[in-house]
Amino acid sequence: MEYRYKPQGVCSTEIILDVEDGIIKNLKVQNGCNGNLKGISSLVKGMSIDEVIKRLKGIQCGNKGTSCPDQIAKALEKIKKGEA
């Protein structure tokens, strides 16, 4: 199922996740650091929601207090809780 999330406090403007049975099938991030986000998208394919949250939650970008990876984790937490 496809989920869309509006990140807060980062350069990216939208996170689009395709999740089936708790596994990430696809991840697209609009705007932000293109190469890094494509790399992250490739790495998380096939991983469980819980594993991605564990690896990405809390990563910061500069002094923003968050980052695109952290926002991906937040989006996955919402999906997991059924809030997305």
Protein backbone atom coordinates (compact mmCIF):
# COMPACT_ATOMS: atom_id res chain seq x y z
CA MET A 1 0.00 0.00 0.00
CA GLU A 2 1.28 3.48 -0.82
CA TYR A 3 1.62 6.05 1.95
CA ARG A 4 2.48 9.75 1.62
CA TYR A 5 4.05 11.81 4.38
CA LYS A 6 4.85 15.54 4.56
CA PRO A 7 8.20 15.87 6.35
CA GLN A 8 8.81 18.68 8.83
CA GLY A 9 11.98 20.75 9.29
CA VAL A 10 13.92 19.36 6.31
CA CYS A 11 14.52 20.18 2.64
CA SER A 12 12.49 17.27 1.30
CA THR A 13 8.82 18.00 0.62
CA GLU A 14 7.22 14.55 0.43
CA ILE A 15 8.04 10.97 1.39
CA ILE A 16 6.25 8.26 -0.57
CA LEU A 17 6.43 4.74 0.86
CA ASP A 18 5.11 1.49 -0.57
CA VAL A 19 4.77 -1.01 2.27
CA GLU A 20 3.40 -4.56 2.15
CA ASP A 21 3.15 -6.83 5.20
CA GLY A 22 5.55 -4.64 7.18
CA ILE A 23 8.22 -4.70 4.44
CA ILE A 24 9.29 -1.64 2.45
CA LYS A 25 8.83 -2.29 -1.24
CA ASN A 26 9.71 1.21 -2.46
CA LEU A 27 10.68 4.61 -1.10
CA LYS A 28 10.74 7.93 -2.95
CA VAL A 29 11.67 11.27 -1.43
CA GLN A 30 10.80 14.48 -3.25
CA ASN A 31 13.50 17.17 -3.16
CA GLY A 32 16.26 17.11 -0.53
CA CYS A 33 19.77 15.72 -1.16
CA ASN A 34 19.07 13.70 -4.29
CA GLY A 35 22.02 11.29 -4.31
CA ASN A 36 21.90 10.51 -0.59
CA LEU A 37 18.15 9.96 -0.63
CA LYS A 38 18.36 7.68 -3.67
CA GLY A 39 20.99 5.68 -1.81
CA ILE A 40 18.85 5.41 1.31
CA SER A 41 15.85 4.44 -0.83
CA SER A 42 17.84 1.63 -2.43
CA LEU A 43 19.19 0.38 0.89
CA VAL A 44 15.84 0.17 2.70
CA LYS A 45 14.04 -1.81 -0.02
CA GLY A 46 13.18 -5.23 1.35
CA MET A 47 13.77 -4.20 4.97
CA SER A 48 11.16 -4.36 7.71
CA ILE A 49 9.59 -1.19 9.05
CA ASP A 50 11.05 -1.91 12.49
CA GLU A 51 14.61 -2.33 11.18
CA VAL A 52 14.48 0.92 9.20
CA ILE A 53 13.08 2.84 12.18
CA LYS A 54 15.84 1.40 14.38
CA ARG A 55 18.55 2.46 11.92
CA LEU A 56 17.27 5.92 10.90
CA LYS A 57 15.45 7.36 13.92
CA GLY A 58 17.27 10.24 15.57
CA ILE A 59 19.74 11.04 12.78
CA GLN A 60 20.23 14.80 12.58
CA CYS A 61 21.14 17.13 9.72
CA GLY A 62 23.16 20.07 10.99
CA ASN A 63 21.31 21.96 13.70
CA LYS A 64 17.82 21.10 12.42
CA GLY A 65 17.06 18.56 15.15
CA THR A 66 15.92 16.13 12.47
CA SER A 67 16.92 14.92 9.00
CA CYS A 68 15.36 13.27 5.98
CA PRO A 69 16.30 9.81 7.35
CA ASP A 70 14.73 10.73 10.71
CA GLN A 71 11.60 11.92 8.90
CA ILE A 72 11.45 8.59 7.03
CA ALA A 73 11.52 6.86 10.44
CA LYS A 74 8.73 9.15 11.68
CA ALA A 75 6.63 8.33 8.60
CA LEU A 76 7.15 4.61 9.23
CA GLU A 77 6.16 5.02 12.88
CA LYS A 78 2.88 6.60 11.75
CA ILE A 79 2.29 3.73 9.31
CA LYS A 80 3.02 1.22 12.05
CA LYS A 81 0.53 2.93 14.41
CA GLY A 82 -2.10 3.08 11.65
CA GLU A 83 -2.02 6.89 11.56
CA ALA A 84 -0.94 7.26 7.94
